[in-house]
Amino acid sequence: MNSWTNHLLTLILFTPALGALVLWFLPSRPKVQRWAALVASLVPFVLTVVLWVNFDFQRAGEFQFIERYPWYDAIGAAYHVGVDGLSLVMVLLTTFLVPLAILASFSIQERVKAYMMLFLFLETGMLGVFLALDLLLFFVFWEIGLVPMFFLIFQWGSAKGERTVWPGFTLQARVYAAMKFMVYTMAGSLGLLLALQMLGLVTGSFDYLQVLERWNSISGPVLPNIPLYIPVSLVKKVAFWAFVVAFALKVPVWPFHTWLPDAHTEAPTAGSMILAGVLLKLGAYGFLRFVLPLYPAESQFYAPVLAFLAAMAALLGALAAWGQWDFKRLVAYSSINHMGFVVLAVAAAAKAAGTEHAVQALNGAVLQMFNHGLTAAGMFFLVGVLYDRAHTRNLKDFGGLFGTVPFYGGVLMFTAMASLGLPGLNSFVSEFLIVRGTWPVLPVFTAISLVGLLFTGAYILKGLKHALFGPLVEKWANLPDMTLREVLVIGPLMALMLLLGIWPLTLLDVIHRSMVALVNLLAG
């Protein structure tokens, strides 16, 4: 490799933050700021393509492009980053979606510089989670992603609506949603931080690879370096649940999901695209990167509990989506439904560790994470396109739009069918793999989840029926169709939805090799 590619991950990680700092010094001209932010977000995507080309797919289960520099020697923390097949797919998803979200944000008129800077800082935070190989560095980036999204909802969220917090006290709906998002995430992060510190204390290192090697070899009635007689099994169970709750809140899994519909409904369109497209994947990534490898015995023992929560998310998320009339809230609940299948696959892999069923379930889970990122971002964007024109998201207000905006109608139908899991489009492949892997292991919970999949079709068709079909509502007779900029946002998403539906090996090859390594680790 060339010398500069030795630092490729650092370049990908910090280019967005550097772009945000450059934006600070640019003149207060919104057009210049928008294009500068777009360019700054495209650079990490180009570098990720370079990373993909130079990645050794035969060793997808191993970390590559590793960089390690001392950071805080007193506690053994370091700037340590690396990428394997799992994190490569997530980095690609992040760097692909952020430029599209920024392009979708060109309609933002207020405080454009601050908005774009927050988006770029958010990208650095998300990339850091996927690349960090030091536990403290992971937590730093985990928290960094919280702050920009809080302000994006708080400052640029919907200006309509109020929420009663308690009798006699109301807040703007966007303020309520931002605060709820902050409180839920911080609550989960507290246990996560304590568990990470405990791992570092017990193993004597915050290096993920060293922790992985030492943690599961610990045995005996007491833990080394701790002057208390604490059973190892108890400590591991407490730490396991600290990780699970933190990641379940982020996914989110029922019953930790209640922040999500509010945050999605009130966030700006591009904020919802990234929230659903990438931020929810941080929790699923945490299950795959930390929970399964560090707690294989606990994961196997509590797999039925995880499966129950996942099945409830898949079923109740779909039922809640079916009951919505706010189009954006409908799509928000659909994310709970779709991500429930990812956690179900994690539970099946934990229960059937070392088997081919575990590999199939995890292949489907990672592919579903990528696919849902595409379809959810596309659906939220299309809802935003409609809201920009009609200034309402109430499905009861629409009807017959297909005749007025036929191009938009066709795009919405294509994206909705991809989200539904129509054969030939991307979500079908990942959901099929998950069901194929989970059914022999957890048949009852898979059956419950499949009922949720049935209602997925119900809420998708409900949204399409009320928005596009039926008698035309006269006030929408002159509604303009999609602009070139909007087509440039949704076009790449649709292209990938079709490509991964027809030729899923584009991603499945690297995913499979990485998941085989993970399953072998669980079996060992």
Protein backbone atom coordinates (compact mmCIF):
# COMPACT_ATOMS: atom_id res chain seq x y z
CA MET A 1 0.00 0.00 0.00
CA ASN A 2 1.06 3.57 -0.54
CA SER A 3 2.03 5.59 2.50
CA TRP A 4 -1.12 7.69 2.38
CA THR A 5 -3.36 4.62 2.33
CA ASN A 6 -1.79 3.60 5.63
CA HIS A 7 -3.74 6.52 7.09
CA LEU A 8 -6.86 5.97 5.00
CA LEU A 9 -9.18 5.38 7.96
CA THR A 10 -8.02 8.57 9.68
CA LEU A 11 -8.67 10.52 6.48
CA ILE A 12 -12.16 9.04 6.16
CA LEU A 13 -12.89 9.66 9.82
CA PHE A 14 -11.78 13.27 10.19
CA THR A 15 -12.39 14.76 6.73
CA PRO A 16 -16.00 15.65 7.60
CA ALA A 17 -14.92 17.36 10.85
CA LEU A 18 -12.21 19.24 8.96
CA GLY A 19 -14.82 20.27 6.39
CA ALA A 20 -17.02 21.58 9.20
CA LEU A 21 -14.15 23.71 10.51
CA VAL A 22 -13.52 25.08 7.01
CA LEU A 23 -17.21 25.97 6.79
CA TRP A 24 -16.81 28.10 9.90
CA PHE A 25 -14.48 30.47 8.04
CA LEU A 26 -16.50 30.69 4.85
CA PRO A 27 -18.53 33.84 4.14
CA SER A 28 -22.17 33.86 5.20
CA ARG A 29 -23.49 32.95 1.78
CA PRO A 30 -25.89 30.00 2.03
CA LYS A 31 -25.25 28.79 -1.51
CA VAL A 32 -21.49 28.59 -0.93
CA GLN A 33 -22.00 26.85 2.42
CA ARG A 34 -24.33 24.23 0.94
CA TRP A 35 -21.95 23.30 -1.86
CA ALA A 36 -18.93 23.33 0.43
CA ALA A 37 -20.69 20.94 2.82
CA LEU A 38 -21.64 18.65 -0.07
CA VAL A 39 -18.05 18.53 -1.32
CA ALA A 40 -16.78 17.90 2.22
CA SER A 41 -19.18 14.94 2.53
CA LEU A 42 -18.28 13.52 -0.87
CA VAL A 43 -14.57 13.26 -0.01
CA PRO A 44 -15.10 10.51 2.63
CA PHE A 45 -17.27 8.60 0.15
CA VAL A 46 -14.53 8.69 -2.49
CA LEU A 47 -11.99 7.59 0.14
CA THR A 48 -14.33 4.76 1.17
CA VAL A 49 -14.42 3.58 -2.45
CA VAL A 50 -10.61 3.57 -2.36
CA LEU A 51 -10.80 1.59 0.89
CA TRP A 52 -13.18 -0.90 -0.73
CA VAL A 53 -10.85 -1.37 -3.72
CA ASN A 54 -7.82 -1.95 -1.49
CA PHE A 55 -9.60 -4.14 1.07
CA ASP A 56 -8.53 -7.79 1.14
CA PHE A 57 -11.87 -9.59 0.93
CA GLN A 58 -10.24 -12.97 1.61
CA ARG A 59 -9.46 -11.67 5.12
CA ALA A 60 -12.79 -9.90 5.68
CA GLY A 61 -13.05 -11.46 9.14
CA GLU A 62 -9.82 -9.76 10.24
CA PHE A 63 -9.18 -6.08 10.97
CA GLN A 64 -7.22 -4.27 8.26
CA PHE A 65 -5.79 -0.77 7.77
CA ILE A 66 -5.10 -0.67 11.50
CA GLU A 67 -3.73 2.56 12.98
CA ARG A 68 -2.71 2.83 16.61
CA TYR A 69 -1.19 5.79 18.47
CA PRO A 70 -0.94 6.41 22.22
CA TRP A 71 -3.69 8.66 23.52
CA TYR A 72 -3.89 8.44 27.31
CA ASP A 73 -1.10 6.17 28.55
CA ALA A 74 -2.08 6.50 32.20
CA ILE A 75 -5.13 4.31 31.63
CA GLY A 76 -3.93 2.48 28.54
CA ALA A 77 -6.26 4.20 26.08
CA ALA A 78 -5.12 4.76 22.49
CA TYR A 79 -6.29 6.13 19.17
CA HIS A 80 -6.85 2.71 17.63
CA VAL A 81 -8.91 2.23 14.47
CA GLY A 82 -9.37 -0.62 12.03
CA VAL A 83 -11.89 -2.07 9.62
CA ASP A 84 -13.20 -5.58 8.94
CA GLY A 85 -16.01 -6.74 6.67
CA LEU A 86 -18.75 -5.67 9.08
CA SER A 87 -17.46 -2.17 9.70
CA LEU A 88 -16.56 -1.72 6.01
CA VAL A 89 -20.20 -2.21 5.02
CA MET A 90 -21.36 0.24 7.69
CA VAL A 91 -18.76 2.85 6.71
CA LEU A 92 -19.87 2.54 3.09
CA LEU A 93 -23.52 3.05 4.11
CA THR A 94 -22.63 6.14 6.17
CA THR A 95 -20.46 7.87 3.60
CA PHE A 96 -23.02 7.07 0.88
CA LEU A 97 -26.04 8.46 2.74
CA VAL A 98 -24.58 11.65 4.23
CA PRO A 99 -23.95 13.43 0.87
CA LEU A 100 -27.49 12.55 -0.21
CA ALA A 101 -28.87 13.91 3.05
CA ILE A 102 -26.90 17.13 2.64
CA LEU A 103 -28.15 17.47 -0.95
CA ALA A 104 -31.68 16.94 0.39
CA SER A 105 -30.98 19.80 2.85
CA PHE A 106 -30.41 22.44 0.16
CA SER A 107 -33.91 23.73 0.89
CA ILE A 108 -32.85 24.74 4.42
CA GLN A 109 -32.92 28.54 4.65
CA GLU A 110 -32.18 29.35 8.30
CA ARG A 111 -28.72 29.16 9.90
CA VAL A 112 -27.37 27.15 6.99
CA LYS A 113 -23.76 27.22 8.17
CA ALA A 114 -24.56 25.80 11.61
CA TYR A 115 -26.85 23.16 10.10
CA MET A 116 -24.22 21.91 7.66
CA MET A 117 -21.48 21.93 10.30
CA LEU A 118 -23.60 19.81 12.61
CA PHE A 119 -24.23 17.32 9.83
CA LEU A 120 -20.52 16.95 9.14
CA PHE A 121 -19.67 16.55 12.83
CA LEU A 122 -22.43 13.94 13.03
CA GLU A 123 -20.80 12.01 10.18
CA THR A 124 -17.48 11.92 12.03
CA GLY A 125 -19.23 10.65 15.16
CA MET A 126 -20.98 7.84 13.29
CA LEU A 127 -17.84 6.78 11.41
CA GLY A 128 -15.86 6.74 14.65
CA VAL A 129 -18.24 4.18 16.17
CA PHE A 130 -17.71 1.83 13.24
CA LEU A 131 -13.92 2.26 13.11
CA ALA A 132 -12.87 2.46 16.78
CA LEU A 133 -10.90 -0.47 18.23
CA ASP A 134 -10.38 1.16 21.62
CA LEU A 135 -13.26 0.95 24.10
CA LEU A 136 -12.96 4.52 25.35
CA LEU A 137 -12.53 5.86 21.82
CA PHE A 138 -15.66 3.94 20.85
CA PHE A 139 -17.61 5.56 23.67
CA VAL A 140 -16.34 9.04 22.77
CA PHE A 141 -17.63 8.70 19.22
CA TRP A 142 -20.83 7.04 20.47
CA GLU A 143 -21.58 10.22 22.45
CA ILE A 144 -20.36 12.63 19.77
CA GLY A 145 -23.14 11.46 17.46
CA LEU A 146 -25.77 12.36 20.07
CA VAL A 147 -25.06 16.09 20.25
CA PRO A 148 -25.46 17.12 16.57
CA MET A 149 -28.67 15.14 16.17
CA PHE A 150 -30.10 16.73 19.32
CA PHE A 151 -29.53 20.22 17.92
CA LEU A 152 -30.75 19.27 14.44
CA ILE A 153 -34.08 18.24 15.95
CA PHE A 154 -34.16 21.05 18.51
CA GLN A 155 -33.37 23.90 16.08
CA TRP A 156 -34.54 22.72 12.65
CA GLY A 157 -37.36 20.36 13.54
CA SER A 158 -41.00 20.90 12.77
CA ALA A 159 -42.32 24.27 13.92
CA LYS A 160 -45.85 22.93 14.38
CA GLY A 161 -47.45 21.27 17.36
CA GLU A 162 -47.04 21.17 21.13
CA ARG A 163 -46.79 18.31 23.62
CA THR A 164 -48.17 18.32 27.14
CA VAL A 165 -45.40 17.10 29.43
CA TRP A 166 -47.62 17.24 32.50
CA PRO A 167 -50.86 19.13 33.25
CA GLY A 168 -50.35 22.85 32.78
CA PHE A 169 -46.90 22.53 31.18
CA THR A 170 -46.38 22.19 27.43
CA LEU A 171 -43.36 22.18 25.14
CA GLN A 172 -42.94 22.62 21.43
CA ALA A 173 -43.16 19.18 19.89
CA ARG A 174 -39.63 19.41 18.46
CA VAL A 175 -38.21 20.48 21.83
CA TYR A 176 -40.01 17.58 23.51
CA ALA A 177 -38.71 15.13 20.88
CA ALA A 178 -35.13 16.40 21.15
CA MET A 179 -35.15 16.20 24.94
CA LYS A 180 -36.66 12.72 24.88
CA PHE A 181 -34.02 11.57 22.39
CA MET A 182 -31.28 12.99 24.62
CA VAL A 183 -32.63 11.49 27.86
CA TYR A 184 -33.15 8.00 26.43
CA THR A 185 -29.73 7.87 24.79
CA MET A 186 -27.91 9.24 27.82
CA ALA A 187 -29.69 6.76 30.08
CA GLY A 188 -28.39 3.89 28.01
CA SER A 189 -24.93 5.42 27.72
CA LEU A 190 -24.43 5.53 31.49
CA GLY A 191 -24.56 1.76 31.86
CA LEU A 192 -22.48 1.35 28.71
CA LEU A 193 -19.72 3.59 30.06
CA LEU A 194 -19.58 1.73 33.38
CA ALA A 195 -19.48 -1.63 31.58
CA LEU A 196 -16.68 -0.47 29.28
CA GLN A 197 -14.67 0.80 32.25
CA MET A 198 -15.17 -2.51 34.03
CA LEU A 199 -13.92 -4.41 30.97
CA GLY A 200 -10.81 -2.25 30.87
CA LEU A 201 -10.20 -2.68 34.60
CA VAL A 202 -10.61 -6.45 34.58
CA THR A 203 -8.60 -7.16 31.41
CA GLY A 204 -5.98 -4.47 32.00
CA SER A 205 -6.55 -2.91 28.58
CA PHE A 206 -9.05 -0.86 26.59
CA ASP A 207 -7.82 -2.37 23.34
CA TYR A 208 -10.77 -4.23 21.83
CA LEU A 209 -8.64 -7.06 20.46
CA GLN A 210 -6.91 -7.62 23.79
CA VAL A 211 -10.19 -7.41 25.70
CA LEU A 212 -11.68 -9.96 23.32
CA GLU A 213 -8.77 -12.30 23.93
CA ARG A 214 -8.66 -11.97 27.73
CA TRP A 215 -12.26 -11.39 28.82
CA ASN A 216 -13.74 -14.81 28.13
CA SER A 217 -10.72 -16.61 29.59
CA ILE A 218 -11.34 -15.14 33.05
CA SER A 219 -12.48 -17.73 35.58
CA GLY A 220 -12.52 -18.29 39.31
CA PRO A 221 -14.56 -16.96 42.21
CA VAL A 222 -13.08 -13.47 42.09
CA LEU A 223 -11.98 -10.98 39.47
CA PRO A 224 -8.32 -9.94 39.38
CA ASN A 225 -7.49 -6.43 40.54
CA ILE A 226 -10.79 -6.12 42.43
CA PRO A 227 -10.53 -6.62 46.22
CA LEU A 228 -14.08 -7.99 46.47
CA TYR A 229 -15.33 -11.57 46.21
CA ILE A 230 -17.65 -11.11 43.26
CA PRO A 231 -18.62 -14.13 41.13
CA VAL A 232 -17.45 -13.81 37.56
CA SER A 233 -20.82 -15.02 36.30
CA LEU A 234 -22.65 -12.21 38.12
CA VAL A 235 -20.31 -9.53 36.81
CA LYS A 236 -20.67 -10.81 33.26
CA LYS A 237 -24.46 -10.89 33.50
CA VAL A 238 -24.62 -7.31 34.79
CA ALA A 239 -22.21 -6.09 32.10
CA PHE A 240 -24.14 -8.05 29.45
CA TRP A 241 -27.39 -6.30 30.31
CA ALA A 242 -25.66 -2.92 30.45
CA PHE A 243 -24.55 -3.44 26.86
CA VAL A 244 -27.89 -4.87 25.76
CA VAL A 245 -29.97 -2.01 27.18
CA ALA A 246 -27.69 0.64 25.64
CA PHE A 247 -27.83 -0.97 22.21
CA ALA A 248 -31.51 -1.88 22.45
CA LEU A 249 -32.33 1.77 23.12
CA LYS A 250 -30.43 2.76 20.00
CA VAL A 251 -31.92 0.14 17.64
CA PRO A 252 -34.60 0.66 19.17
CA VAL A 253 -36.24 -2.55 20.39
CA TRP A 254 -39.63 -2.66 22.06
CA PRO A 255 -40.26 -1.46 24.79
CA PHE A 256 -37.35 0.99 24.52
CA HIS A 257 -38.67 2.46 21.28
CA THR A 258 -40.92 5.34 22.33
CA TRP A 259 -38.38 8.08 21.60
CA LEU A 260 -38.12 7.11 17.94
CA PRO A 261 -41.53 8.12 16.50
CA ASP A 262 -41.31 11.54 18.17
CA ALA A 263 -37.72 12.14 17.03
CA HIS A 264 -38.48 11.08 13.45
CA THR A 265 -41.69 13.06 13.22
CA GLU A 266 -40.13 16.30 14.41
CA ALA A 267 -36.67 16.02 12.80
CA PRO A 268 -35.94 17.78 9.50
CA THR A 269 -36.14 15.52 6.47
CA ALA A 270 -32.39 14.96 6.17
CA GLY A 271 -32.17 14.37 9.92
CA SER A 272 -34.75 11.59 9.63
CA MET A 273 -32.82 10.11 6.70
CA ILE A 274 -29.64 9.81 8.77
CA LEU A 275 -31.43 8.87 11.98
CA ALA A 276 -33.11 5.91 10.31
CA GLY A 277 -30.38 5.22 7.77
CA VAL A 278 -27.34 5.14 10.07
CA LEU A 279 -27.94 6.03 13.73
CA LEU A 280 -30.26 3.08 14.36
CA LYS A 281 -27.56 0.81 12.94
CA LEU A 282 -25.18 1.84 15.73
CA GLY A 283 -27.22 -0.24 18.17
CA ALA A 284 -27.33 -3.27 15.86
CA TYR A 285 -23.60 -2.89 15.23
CA GLY A 286 -23.06 -2.89 18.99
CA PHE A 287 -24.86 -6.24 19.30
CA LEU A 288 -22.64 -7.76 16.61
CA ARG A 289 -19.36 -6.16 17.67
CA PHE A 290 -19.64 -6.37 21.47
CA VAL A 291 -22.56 -8.41 22.81
CA LEU A 292 -22.07 -11.61 20.81
CA PRO A 293 -18.24 -11.83 20.93
CA LEU A 294 -17.80 -10.69 24.54
CA TYR A 295 -20.79 -12.48 26.06
CA PRO A 296 -21.38 -15.70 24.06
CA ALA A 297 -22.62 -17.71 27.05
CA GLU A 298 -24.90 -14.96 28.33
CA SER A 299 -26.18 -14.29 24.80
CA GLN A 300 -27.04 -17.95 24.36
CA PHE A 301 -28.76 -18.16 27.75
CA TYR A 302 -30.82 -14.99 27.24
CA ALA A 303 -31.44 -15.55 23.51
CA PRO A 304 -35.17 -16.27 24.10
CA VAL A 305 -35.52 -12.93 25.90
CA LEU A 306 -33.85 -11.06 23.03
CA ALA A 307 -35.98 -13.01 20.55
CA PHE A 308 -39.17 -12.07 22.41
CA LEU A 309 -38.26 -8.36 22.39
CA ALA A 310 -37.34 -8.58 18.71
CA ALA A 311 -40.58 -10.34 17.79
CA MET A 312 -42.60 -7.74 19.70
CA ALA A 313 -40.74 -4.98 17.86
CA ALA A 314 -41.48 -6.61 14.50
CA LEU A 315 -45.15 -7.23 15.29
CA LEU A 316 -46.10 -4.17 17.34
CA GLY A 317 -44.01 -1.84 15.15
CA ALA A 318 -45.99 -3.00 12.12
CA LEU A 319 -49.34 -2.71 13.92
CA ALA A 320 -48.46 0.78 15.18
CA ALA A 321 -47.43 1.83 11.67
CA TRP A 322 -50.72 0.50 10.30
CA GLY A 323 -52.62 2.69 12.74
CA GLN A 324 -50.91 5.96 11.78
CA TRP A 325 -52.34 8.72 9.59
CA ASP A 326 -49.26 10.93 9.78
CA PHE A 327 -47.23 9.63 6.82
CA LYS A 328 -43.89 10.35 8.49
CA ARG A 329 -44.93 8.70 11.73
CA LEU A 330 -46.01 5.65 9.74
CA VAL A 331 -42.53 5.37 8.23
CA ALA A 332 -40.99 5.91 11.67
CA TYR A 333 -42.82 2.94 13.18
CA SER A 334 -41.82 0.87 10.16
CA SER A 335 -38.18 1.25 11.26
CA ILE A 336 -39.01 -0.47 14.56
CA ASN A 337 -40.64 -3.27 12.58
CA HIS A 338 -37.69 -3.77 10.21
CA MET A 339 -34.96 -3.50 12.84
CA GLY A 340 -36.78 -6.08 14.96
CA PHE A 341 -35.74 -8.68 12.39
CA VAL A 342 -32.08 -7.71 12.86
CA VAL A 343 -32.25 -8.33 16.62
CA LEU A 344 -34.13 -11.59 16.00
CA ALA A 345 -31.22 -12.73 13.82
CA VAL A 346 -28.77 -11.80 16.60
CA ALA A 347 -30.78 -13.89 19.08
CA ALA A 348 -30.85 -16.86 16.69
CA ALA A 349 -27.11 -16.63 16.10
CA ALA A 350 -26.49 -16.57 19.84
CA LYS A 351 -28.68 -19.61 20.44
CA ALA A 352 -27.32 -21.61 17.50
CA ALA A 353 -23.68 -20.54 17.83
CA GLY A 354 -21.35 -22.33 15.45
CA THR A 355 -24.02 -23.57 13.03
CA GLU A 356 -24.86 -22.70 9.46
CA HIS A 357 -28.17 -21.25 10.69
CA ALA A 358 -26.22 -18.66 12.69
CA VAL A 359 -24.23 -17.67 9.60
CA GLN A 360 -27.39 -17.31 7.50
CA ALA A 361 -29.15 -15.25 10.16
CA LEU A 362 -26.21 -12.89 10.61
CA ASN A 363 -25.69 -12.53 6.85
CA GLY A 364 -29.30 -11.43 6.63
CA ALA A 365 -28.97 -9.14 9.65
CA VAL A 366 -26.01 -7.16 8.26
CA LEU A 367 -27.54 -6.99 4.80
CA GLN A 368 -30.83 -5.87 6.36
CA MET A 369 -28.97 -3.10 8.21
CA PHE A 370 -27.64 -1.82 4.89
CA ASN A 371 -30.91 -2.34 3.02
CA HIS A 372 -33.02 -0.65 5.66
CA GLY A 373 -30.62 2.28 5.57
CA LEU A 374 -31.42 2.71 1.88
CA THR A 375 -35.17 2.17 2.00
CA ALA A 376 -35.82 4.15 5.20
CA ALA A 377 -33.74 7.10 3.98
CA GLY A 378 -35.62 6.99 0.68
CA MET A 379 -39.05 6.83 2.31
CA PHE A 380 -38.34 9.68 4.72
CA PHE A 381 -37.00 11.79 1.87
CA LEU A 382 -40.10 11.17 -0.25
CA VAL A 383 -42.40 12.04 2.65
CA GLY A 384 -40.36 15.25 3.04
CA VAL A 385 -40.76 16.03 -0.68
CA LEU A 386 -44.53 15.75 -0.32
CA TYR A 387 -44.57 17.83 2.87
CA ASP A 388 -42.53 20.61 1.24
CA ARG A 389 -45.28 20.99 -1.35
CA ALA A 390 -48.45 20.29 0.61
CA HIS A 391 -47.36 21.36 4.14
CA THR A 392 -49.24 18.43 5.60
CA ARG A 393 -48.43 14.78 6.23
CA ASN A 394 -51.97 13.68 7.06
CA LEU A 395 -52.85 10.85 4.67
CA LYS A 396 -56.54 11.76 4.97
CA ASP A 397 -55.79 15.07 3.23
CA PHE A 398 -54.44 13.42 0.08
CA GLY A 399 -55.80 11.34 -2.75
CA GLY A 400 -55.29 10.88 -6.48
CA LEU A 401 -51.78 12.32 -6.55
CA PHE A 402 -50.59 9.78 -9.10
CA GLY A 403 -52.36 11.71 -11.86
CA THR A 404 -50.88 15.03 -10.71
CA VAL A 405 -47.30 13.99 -9.91
CA PRO A 406 -46.79 10.73 -11.86
CA PHE A 407 -42.99 10.67 -11.57
CA TYR A 408 -43.14 11.14 -7.81
CA GLY A 409 -45.84 8.48 -7.61
CA GLY A 410 -43.73 5.97 -9.49
CA VAL A 411 -40.67 6.67 -7.33
CA LEU A 412 -42.73 6.37 -4.14
CA MET A 413 -44.21 3.06 -5.27
CA PHE A 414 -40.76 1.67 -6.16
CA THR A 415 -39.25 2.70 -2.82
CA ALA A 416 -42.27 1.47 -0.85
CA MET A 417 -42.11 -1.91 -2.60
CA ALA A 418 -38.42 -2.15 -1.72
CA SER A 419 -39.28 -1.41 1.91
CA LEU A 420 -42.08 -3.98 1.81
CA GLY A 421 -39.69 -6.70 0.63
CA LEU A 422 -40.90 -7.27 -2.93
CA PRO A 423 -38.86 -10.02 -4.66
CA GLY A 424 -36.34 -8.48 -7.02
CA LEU A 425 -35.62 -5.59 -4.67
CA ASN A 426 -33.12 -5.40 -1.84
CA SER A 427 -35.13 -6.00 1.34
CA PHE A 428 -36.48 -9.33 0.10
CA VAL A 429 -33.02 -10.90 0.09
CA SER A 430 -32.06 -9.83 3.61
CA GLU A 431 -35.43 -10.70 5.15
CA PHE A 432 -35.39 -14.10 3.42
CA LEU A 433 -31.93 -14.85 4.83
CA ILE A 434 -33.00 -13.83 8.33
CA VAL A 435 -36.11 -16.01 8.24
CA ARG A 436 -34.13 -18.90 6.71
CA GLY A 437 -31.60 -18.69 9.54
CA THR A 438 -33.97 -18.04 12.45
CA TRP A 439 -36.84 -20.45 11.66
CA PRO A 440 -35.01 -23.69 12.58
CA VAL A 441 -33.69 -22.07 15.77
CA LEU A 442 -36.53 -19.89 17.06
CA PRO A 443 -39.66 -21.00 15.14
CA VAL A 444 -42.26 -19.46 17.48
CA PHE A 445 -40.65 -16.01 17.59
CA THR A 446 -39.99 -16.13 13.85
CA ALA A 447 -43.66 -16.93 13.23
CA ILE A 448 -44.71 -13.95 15.38
CA SER A 449 -42.31 -11.72 13.43
CA LEU A 450 -43.74 -12.99 10.14
CA VAL A 451 -47.18 -11.83 11.25
CA GLY A 452 -45.56 -8.41 11.60
CA LEU A 453 -44.20 -8.84 8.08
CA LEU A 454 -47.75 -9.46 6.88
CA PHE A 455 -48.85 -6.15 8.38
CA THR A 456 -45.85 -4.49 6.71
CA GLY A 457 -47.71 -4.97 3.47
CA ALA A 458 -50.85 -3.57 5.08
CA TYR A 459 -49.31 -0.27 6.22
CA ILE A 460 -47.31 0.21 3.02
CA LEU A 461 -50.39 -0.29 0.87
CA LYS A 462 -52.40 1.96 3.17
CA GLY A 463 -49.89 4.79 2.67
CA LEU A 464 -49.81 4.34 -1.11
CA LYS A 465 -53.61 4.08 -1.39
CA HIS A 466 -54.38 7.25 0.50
CA ALA A 467 -51.56 9.30 -1.02
CA LEU A 468 -51.61 8.27 -4.68
CA PHE A 469 -54.94 6.67 -5.54
CA GLY A 470 -58.63 7.42 -5.29
CA PRO A 471 -60.39 10.66 -6.27
CA LEU A 472 -58.10 13.66 -6.75
CA VAL A 473 -58.36 16.28 -4.01
CA GLU A 474 -58.79 19.48 -6.01
CA LYS A 475 -56.37 21.63 -4.03
CA TRP A 476 -53.52 19.32 -5.15
CA ALA A 477 -54.39 19.59 -8.84
CA ASN A 478 -51.39 21.84 -9.59
CA LEU A 479 -48.86 20.19 -7.31
CA PRO A 480 -45.40 20.30 -8.98
CA ASP A 481 -43.55 17.05 -9.66
CA MET A 482 -40.02 16.24 -8.44
CA THR A 483 -37.15 18.60 -9.26
CA LEU A 484 -33.75 17.59 -10.64
CA ARG A 485 -32.12 17.96 -7.21
CA GLU A 486 -34.70 15.67 -5.66
CA VAL A 487 -34.17 13.10 -8.41
CA LEU A 488 -30.43 13.21 -7.77
CA VAL A 489 -31.08 12.41 -4.11
CA ILE A 490 -33.42 9.46 -4.64
CA GLY A 491 -31.82 8.12 -7.84
CA PRO A 492 -28.70 6.54 -6.25
CA LEU A 493 -30.83 5.00 -3.49
CA MET A 494 -33.16 3.39 -6.04
CA ALA A 495 -30.21 2.14 -8.10
CA LEU A 496 -28.75 0.32 -5.07
CA MET A 497 -32.15 -1.06 -4.06
CA LEU A 498 -32.43 -2.66 -7.50
CA LEU A 499 -28.79 -3.79 -7.68
CA LEU A 500 -28.88 -5.51 -4.28
CA GLY A 501 -32.19 -7.13 -5.15
CA ILE A 502 -30.82 -8.60 -8.37
CA TRP A 503 -27.18 -9.19 -7.38
CA PRO A 504 -26.88 -9.25 -3.56
CA LEU A 505 -23.39 -10.79 -3.76
CA THR A 506 -22.20 -7.22 -4.30
CA LEU A 507 -22.22 -7.00 -0.50
CA LEU A 508 -22.96 -10.54 0.65
CA ASP A 509 -19.49 -11.84 -0.19
CA VAL A 510 -17.72 -9.57 2.28
CA ILE A 511 -20.56 -9.89 4.82
CA HIS A 512 -20.46 -13.68 4.68
CA ARG A 513 -16.72 -13.92 5.26
CA SER A 514 -16.96 -11.55 8.20
CA MET A 515 -19.93 -13.37 9.76
CA VAL A 516 -18.28 -16.79 9.35
CA ALA A 517 -15.38 -15.43 11.41
CA LEU A 518 -17.80 -14.14 14.05
CA VAL A 519 -19.69 -17.45 14.24
CA ASN A 520 -16.41 -19.35 14.52
CA LEU A 521 -15.46 -17.06 17.38
CA LEU A 522 -18.76 -17.82 19.13
CA ALA A 523 -18.28 -21.54 18.59
CA GLY A 524 -14.77 -21.36 19.98
